Amino acid sequence: LSPGGVHRSGETLVRLDEPARAHAALAELGIHVTLKPEGLRISTHFYNDERELDACVAALVAYRAGVTA
């Protein structure tokens, strides 16, 4: 949902069905994101390195595939 181009941000808003459920699943894995009505906000800058972002993406892929912790 986040805009690209000149209006891009270091935060990424990801649209998900049942964002509260996704938020809880990631929290169980120690991945901290911000719950928003339409999905999850992920801070992709400053506080996180590539390893942490890779873990977040992998967790989101697993969540969407129905594989939960």
PDB file of N, CA and C in Angstrom:
ATOM      1  N   LEU A   1       0.809  -1.206   0.000  1.00  0.00           N
ATOM      2  CA  LEU A   1       0.000   0.000   0.000  1.00  0.00           C
ATOM      3  C   LEU A   1       0.846   1.261   0.000  1.00  0.00           C
ATOM      4  N   SER A   2       2.114   1.166   0.369  1.00  0.00           N
ATOM      5  CA  SER A   2       2.964   2.345   0.456  1.00  0.00           C
ATOM      6  C   SER A   2       3.271   2.879  -0.936  1.00  0.00           C
ATOM      7  N   PRO A   3       3.304   4.203  -1.081  1.00  0.00           N
ATOM      8  CA  PRO A   3       3.604   4.774  -2.398  1.00  0.00           C
ATOM      9  C   PRO A   3       5.075   4.612  -2.751  1.00  0.00           C
ATOM     10  N   GLY A   4       5.356   4.561  -4.042  1.00  0.00           N
ATOM     11  CA  GLY A   4       6.730   4.511  -4.525  1.00  0.00           C
ATOM     12  C   GLY A   4       7.135   5.873  -5.056  1.00  0.00           C
ATOM     13  N   GLY A   5       8.190   5.897  -5.822  1.00  0.00           N
ATOM     14  CA  GLY A   5       8.631   7.135  -6.434  1.00  0.00           C
ATOM     15  C   GLY A   5       9.131   8.147  -5.418  1.00  0.00           C
ATOM     16  N   VAL A   6       8.932   9.413  -5.727  1.00  0.00           N
ATOM     17  CA  VAL A   6       9.449  10.485  -4.875  1.00  0.00           C
ATOM     18  C   VAL A   6       8.756  10.540  -3.517  1.00  0.00           C
ATOM     19  N   HIS A   7       7.610   9.891  -3.380  1.00  0.00           N
ATOM     20  CA  HIS A   7       6.855   9.915  -2.119  1.00  0.00           C
ATOM     21  C   HIS A   7       7.073   8.653  -1.288  1.00  0.00           C
ATOM     22  N   ARG A   8       8.099   7.877  -1.606  1.00  0.00           N
ATOM     23  CA  ARG A   8       8.330   6.628  -0.872  1.00  0.00           C
ATOM     24  C   ARG A   8       8.788   6.925   0.555  1.00  0.00           C
ATOM     25  N   SER A   9       8.719   5.899   1.373  1.00  0.00           N
ATOM     26  CA  SER A   9       9.001   6.050   2.792  1.00  0.00           C
ATOM     27  C   SER A   9       9.860   4.892   3.272  1.00  0.00           C
ATOM     28  N   GLY A  10      10.474   5.056   4.435  1.00  0.00           N
ATOM     29  CA  GLY A  10      11.208   3.980   5.073  1.00  0.00           C
ATOM     30  C   GLY A  10      10.298   3.034   5.825  1.00  0.00           C
ATOM     31  N   GLU A  11       9.019   3.272   5.743  1.00  0.00           N
ATOM     32  CA  GLU A  11       8.027   2.372   6.342  1.00  0.00           C
ATOM     33  C   GLU A  11       7.188   1.793   5.217  1.00  0.00           C
ATOM     34  N   THR A  12       6.843   0.537   5.356  1.00  0.00           N
ATOM     35  CA  THR A  12       6.079  -0.146   4.327  1.00  0.00           C
ATOM     36  C   THR A  12       4.769  -0.611   4.926  1.00  0.00           C
ATOM     37  N   LEU A  13       3.675  -0.282   4.264  1.00  0.00           N
ATOM     38  CA  LEU A  13       2.360  -0.731   4.696  1.00  0.00           C
ATOM     39  C   LEU A  13       1.949  -1.902   3.818  1.00  0.00           C
ATOM     40  N   VAL A  14       1.733  -3.045   4.458  1.00  0.00           N
ATOM     41  CA  VAL A  14       1.402  -4.277   3.758  1.00  0.00           C
ATOM     42  C   VAL A  14      -0.065  -4.598   3.997  1.00  0.00           C
ATOM     43  N   ARG A  15      -0.825  -4.718   2.904  1.00  0.00           N
ATOM     44  CA  ARG A  15      -2.242  -5.080   3.026  1.00  0.00           C
ATOM     45  C   ARG A  15      -2.354  -6.578   3.310  1.00  0.00           C
ATOM     46  N   LEU A  16      -3.135  -6.926   4.318  1.00  0.00           N
ATOM     47  CA  LEU A  16      -3.368  -8.323   4.682  1.00  0.00           C
ATOM     48  C   LEU A  16      -4.806  -8.496   5.130  1.00  0.00           C
ATOM     49  N   ASP A  17      -5.374  -9.637   4.784  1.00  0.00           N
ATOM     50  CA  ASP A  17      -6.646 -10.005   5.385  1.00  0.00           C
ATOM     51  C   ASP A  17      -6.355 -10.352   6.843  1.00  0.00           C
ATOM     52  N   GLU A  18      -7.239 -10.036   7.713  1.00  0.00           N
ATOM     53  CA  GLU A  18      -7.090 -10.328   9.144  1.00  0.00           C
ATOM     54  C   GLU A  18      -5.761  -9.808   9.706  1.00  0.00           C
ATOM     55  N   PRO A  19      -5.531  -8.507   9.611  1.00  0.00           N
ATOM     56  CA  PRO A  19      -4.246  -7.969  10.079  1.00  0.00           C
ATOM     57  C   PRO A  19      -3.950  -8.249  11.552  1.00  0.00           C
ATOM     58  N   ALA A  20      -4.959  -8.297  12.398  1.00  0.00           N
ATOM     59  CA  ALA A  20      -4.710  -8.574  13.819  1.00  0.00           C
ATOM     60  C   ALA A  20      -4.146  -9.984  14.003  1.00  0.00           C
ATOM     61  N   ARG A  21      -4.644 -10.929  13.229  1.00  0.00           N
ATOM     62  CA  ARG A  21      -4.147 -12.305  13.303  1.00  0.00           C
ATOM     63  C   ARG A  21      -2.697 -12.374  12.813  1.00  0.00           C
ATOM     64  N   ALA A  22      -2.395 -11.664  11.731  1.00  0.00           N
ATOM     65  CA  ALA A  22      -1.027 -11.621  11.207  1.00  0.00           C
ATOM     66  C   ALA A  22      -0.094 -10.964  12.214  1.00  0.00           C
ATOM     67  N   HIS A  23      -0.549  -9.900  12.836  1.00  0.00           N
ATOM     68  CA  HIS A  23       0.236  -9.189  13.852  1.00  0.00           C
ATOM     69  C   HIS A  23       0.590 -10.136  14.996  1.00  0.00           C
ATOM     70  N   ALA A  24      -0.381 -10.893  15.461  1.00  0.00           N
ATOM     71  CA  ALA A  24      -0.149 -11.838  16.560  1.00  0.00           C
ATOM     72  C   ALA A  24       0.827 -12.938  16.145  1.00  0.00           C
ATOM     73  N   ALA A  25       0.696 -13.441  14.924  1.00  0.00           N
ATOM     74  CA  ALA A  25       1.588 -14.505  14.446  1.00  0.00           C
ATOM     75  C   ALA A  25       3.029 -14.012  14.373  1.00  0.00           C
ATOM     76  N   LEU A  26       3.239 -12.804  13.890  1.00  0.00           N
ATOM     77  CA  LEU A  26       4.589 -12.257  13.818  1.00  0.00           C
ATOM     78  C   LEU A  26       5.129 -11.955  15.209  1.00  0.00           C
ATOM     79  N   ALA A  27       4.278 -11.473  16.105  1.00  0.00           N
ATOM     80  CA  ALA A  27       4.709 -11.175  17.473  1.00  0.00           C
ATOM     81  C   ALA A  27       5.212 -12.440  18.169  1.00  0.00           C
ATOM     82  N   GLU A  28       4.576 -13.581  17.893  1.00  0.00           N
ATOM     83  CA  GLU A  28       5.025 -14.846  18.481  1.00  0.00           C
ATOM     84  C   GLU A  28       6.440 -15.194  18.050  1.00  0.00           C
ATOM     85  N   LEU A  29       6.842 -14.694  16.870  1.00  0.00           N
ATOM     86  CA  LEU A  29       8.183 -14.944  16.352  1.00  0.00           C
ATOM     87  C   LEU A  29       9.173 -13.853  16.755  1.00  0.00           C
ATOM     88  N   GLY A  30       8.698 -12.892  17.561  1.00  0.00           N
ATOM     89  CA  GLY A  30       9.562 -11.801  17.990  1.00  0.00           C
ATOM     90  C   GLY A  30       9.750 -10.728  16.941  1.00  0.00           C
ATOM     91  N   ILE A  31       8.842 -10.676  15.968  1.00  0.00           N
ATOM     92  CA  ILE A  31       8.897  -9.678  14.906  1.00  0.00           C
ATOM     93  C   ILE A  31       7.887  -8.596  15.251  1.00  0.00           C
ATOM     94  N   HIS A  32       8.386  -7.393  15.430  1.00  0.00           N
ATOM     95  CA  HIS A  32       7.551  -6.284  15.876  1.00  0.00           C
ATOM     96  C   HIS A  32       7.159  -5.402  14.694  1.00  0.00           C
ATOM     97  N   VAL A  33       5.872  -5.334  14.442  1.00  0.00           N
ATOM     98  CA  VAL A  33       5.301  -4.494  13.401  1.00  0.00           C
ATOM     99  C   VAL A  33       4.144  -3.728  14.031  1.00  0.00           C
ATOM    100  N   THR A  34       3.622  -2.755  13.312  1.00  0.00           N
ATOM    101  CA  THR A  34       2.525  -1.951  13.837  1.00  0.00           C
ATOM    102  C   THR A  34       1.232  -2.354  13.150  1.00  0.00           C
ATOM    103  N   LEU A  35       0.237  -2.665  13.944  1.00  0.00           N
ATOM    104  CA  LEU A  35      -1.071  -3.042  13.427  1.00  0.00           C
ATOM    105  C   LEU A  35      -1.800  -1.805  12.912  1.00  0.00           C
ATOM    106  N   LYS A  36      -2.285  -1.893  11.687  1.00  0.00           N
ATOM    107  CA  LYS A  36      -3.096  -0.845  11.066  1.00  0.00           C
ATOM    108  C   LYS A  36      -4.397  -1.485  10.596  1.00  0.00           C
ATOM    109  N   PRO A  37      -5.458  -0.700  10.398  1.00  0.00           N
ATOM    110  CA  PRO A  37      -6.743  -1.294   9.998  1.00  0.00           C
ATOM    111  C   PRO A  37      -6.675  -2.133   8.721  1.00  0.00           C
ATOM    112  N   GLU A  38      -5.841  -1.720   7.764  1.00  0.00           N
ATOM    113  CA  GLU A  38      -5.781  -2.432   6.490  1.00  0.00           C
ATOM    114  C   GLU A  38      -4.622  -3.409   6.382  1.00  0.00           C
ATOM    115  N   GLY A  39      -3.772  -3.467   7.393  1.00  0.00           N
ATOM    116  CA  GLY A  39      -2.639  -4.383   7.325  1.00  0.00           C
ATOM    117  C   GLY A  39      -1.614  -4.098   8.398  1.00  0.00           C
ATOM    118  N   LEU A  40      -0.344  -4.255   8.024  1.00  0.00           N
ATOM    119  CA  LEU A  40       0.750  -4.074   8.966  1.00  0.00           C
ATOM    120  C   LEU A  40       1.727  -3.026   8.443  1.00  0.00           C
ATOM    121  N   ARG A  41       2.200  -2.179   9.335  1.00  0.00           N
ATOM    122  CA  ARG A  41       3.254  -1.225   8.979  1.00  0.00           C
ATOM    123  C   ARG A  41       4.572  -1.807   9.452  1.00  0.00           C
ATOM    124  N   ILE A  42       5.524  -1.880   8.532  1.00  0.00           N
ATOM    125  CA  ILE A  42       6.842  -2.441   8.817  1.00  0.00           C
ATOM    126  C   ILE A  42       7.879  -1.343   8.659  1.00  0.00           C
ATOM    127  N   SER A  43       8.645  -1.106   9.693  1.00  0.00           N
ATOM    128  CA  SER A  43       9.727  -0.123   9.607  1.00  0.00           C
ATOM    129  C   SER A  43      10.914  -0.789   8.929  1.00  0.00           C
ATOM    130  N   THR A  44      11.210  -0.343   7.723  1.00  0.00           N
ATOM    131  CA  THR A  44      12.269  -0.979   6.936  1.00  0.00           C
ATOM    132  C   THR A  44      13.571  -0.183   6.957  1.00  0.00           C
ATOM    133  N   HIS A  45      13.692   0.743   7.858  1.00  0.00           N
ATOM    134  CA  HIS A  45      14.885   1.580   7.921  1.00  0.00           C
ATOM    135  C   HIS A  45      15.337   1.747   9.371  1.00  0.00           C
ATOM    136  N   PHE A  46      16.486   2.249   9.557  1.00  0.00           N
ATOM    137  CA  PHE A  46      17.083   2.661  10.822  1.00  0.00           C
ATOM    138  C   PHE A  46      17.122   1.573  11.896  1.00  0.00           C
ATOM    139  N   TYR A  47      15.974   1.060  12.301  1.00  0.00           N
ATOM    140  CA  TYR A  47      15.916   0.128  13.425  1.00  0.00           C
ATOM    141  C   TYR A  47      16.231  -1.307  13.016  1.00  0.00           C
ATOM    142  N   ASN A  48      16.200  -1.595  11.724  1.00  0.00           N
ATOM    143  CA  ASN A  48      16.322  -2.973  11.257  1.00  0.00           C
ATOM    144  C   ASN A  48      17.444  -3.120  10.238  1.00  0.00           C
ATOM    145  N   ASP A  49      18.091  -4.297  10.268  1.00  0.00           N
ATOM    146  CA  ASP A  49      19.096  -4.583   9.246  1.00  0.00           C
ATOM    147  C   ASP A  49      18.504  -5.593   8.252  1.00  0.00           C
ATOM    148  N   GLU A  50      19.280  -5.941   7.220  1.00  0.00           N
ATOM    149  CA  GLU A  50      18.766  -6.834   6.174  1.00  0.00           C
ATOM    150  C   GLU A  50      18.353  -8.196   6.725  1.00  0.00           C
ATOM    151  N   ARG A  51      19.098  -8.717   7.680  1.00  0.00           N
ATOM    152  CA  ARG A  51      18.763 -10.027   8.263  1.00  0.00           C
ATOM    153  C   ARG A  51      17.379  -9.990   8.911  1.00  0.00           C
ATOM    154  N   GLU A  52      17.094  -8.913   9.637  1.00  0.00           N
ATOM    155  CA  GLU A  52      15.793  -8.783  10.297  1.00  0.00           C
ATOM    156  C   GLU A  52      14.674  -8.595   9.281  1.00  0.00           C
ATOM    157  N   LEU A  53      14.947  -7.841   8.224  1.00  0.00           N
ATOM    158  CA  LEU A  53      13.930  -7.651   7.184  1.00  0.00           C
ATOM    159  C   LEU A  53      13.669  -8.960   6.443  1.00  0.00           C
ATOM    160  N   ASP A  54      14.729  -9.730   6.176  1.00  0.00           N
ATOM    161  CA  ASP A  54      14.557 -11.035   5.545  1.00  0.00           C
ATOM    162  C   ASP A  54      13.698 -11.950   6.421  1.00  0.00           C
ATOM    163  N   ALA A  55      13.919 -11.924   7.728  1.00  0.00           N
ATOM    164  CA  ALA A  55      13.127 -12.744   8.652  1.00  0.00           C
ATOM    165  C   ALA A  55      11.667 -12.312   8.633  1.00  0.00           C
ATOM    166  N   CYS A  56      11.418 -11.013   8.559  1.00  0.00           N
ATOM    167  CA  CYS A  56      10.050 -10.508   8.516  1.00  0.00           C
ATOM    168  C   CYS A  56       9.355 -10.953   7.234  1.00  0.00           C
ATOM    169  N   VAL A  57      10.044 -10.818   6.102  1.00  0.00           N
ATOM    170  CA  VAL A  57       9.458 -11.239   4.824  1.00  0.00           C
ATOM    171  C   VAL A  57       9.185 -12.739   4.836  1.00  0.00           C
ATOM    172  N   ALA A  58      10.127 -13.530   5.326  1.00  0.00           N
ATOM    173  CA  ALA A  58       9.927 -14.987   5.398  1.00  0.00           C
ATOM    174  C   ALA A  58       8.730 -15.325   6.280  1.00  0.00           C
ATOM    175  N   ALA A  59       8.575 -14.625   7.395  1.00  0.00           N
ATOM    176  CA  ALA A  59       7.439 -14.869   8.286  1.00  0.00           C
ATOM    177  C   ALA A  59       6.125 -14.493   7.617  1.00  0.00           C
ATOM    178  N   LEU A  60       6.120 -13.401   6.871  1.00  0.00           N
ATOM    179  CA  LEU A  60       4.907 -13.006   6.150  1.00  0.00           C
ATOM    180  C   LEU A  60       4.542 -14.012   5.066  1.00  0.00           C
ATOM    181  N   VAL A  61       5.546 -14.507   4.345  1.00  0.00           N
ATOM    182  CA  VAL A  61       5.305 -15.520   3.315  1.00  0.00           C
ATOM    183  C   VAL A  61       4.735 -16.787   3.959  1.00  0.00           C
ATOM    184  N   ALA A  62       5.318 -17.217   5.066  1.00  0.00           N
ATOM    185  CA  ALA A  62       4.822 -18.409   5.766  1.00  0.00           C
ATOM    186  C   ALA A  62       3.406 -18.187   6.272  1.00  0.00           C
ATOM    187  N   TYR A  63       3.136 -16.997   6.807  1.00  0.00           N
ATOM    188  CA  TYR A  63       1.795 -16.681   7.299  1.00  0.00           C
ATOM    189  C   TYR A  63       0.781 -16.760   6.158  1.00  0.00           C
ATOM    190  N   ARG A  64       1.103 -16.158   5.028  1.00  0.00           N
ATOM    191  CA  ARG A  64       0.181 -16.159   3.892  1.00  0.00           C
ATOM    192  C   ARG A  64      -0.016 -17.564   3.322  1.00  0.00           C
ATOM    193  N   ALA A  65       0.990 -18.415   3.478  1.00  0.00           N
ATOM    194  CA  ALA A  65       0.897 -19.799   2.998  1.00  0.00           C
ATOM    195  C   ALA A  65       0.146 -20.693   3.991  1.00  0.00           C
ATOM    196  N   GLY A  66      -0.206 -20.109   5.153  1.00  0.00           N
ATOM    197  CA  GLY A  66      -0.938 -20.879   6.155  1.00  0.00           C
ATOM    198  C   GLY A  66      -0.054 -21.626   7.116  1.00  0.00           C
ATOM    199  N   VAL A  67       1.241 -21.352   7.074  1.00  0.00           N
ATOM    200  CA  VAL A  67       2.169 -21.978   7.996  1.00  0.00           C
ATOM    201  C   VAL A  67       2.397 -21.011   9.135  1.00  0.00           C
ATOM    202  N   THR A  68       1.925 -21.350  10.329  1.00  0.00           N
ATOM    203  CA  THR A  68       2.068 -20.460  11.471  1.00  0.00           C
ATOM    204  C   THR A  68       2.871 -21.132  12.559  1.00  0.00           C
ATOM    205  N   ALA A  69       3.463 -20.318  13.402  1.00  0.00           N
ATOM    206  CA  ALA A  69       4.262 -20.851  14.517  1.00  0.00           C
ATOM    207  C   ALA A  69       3.370 -21.452  15.570  1.00  0.00           C
TER     208      ALA A  69
END
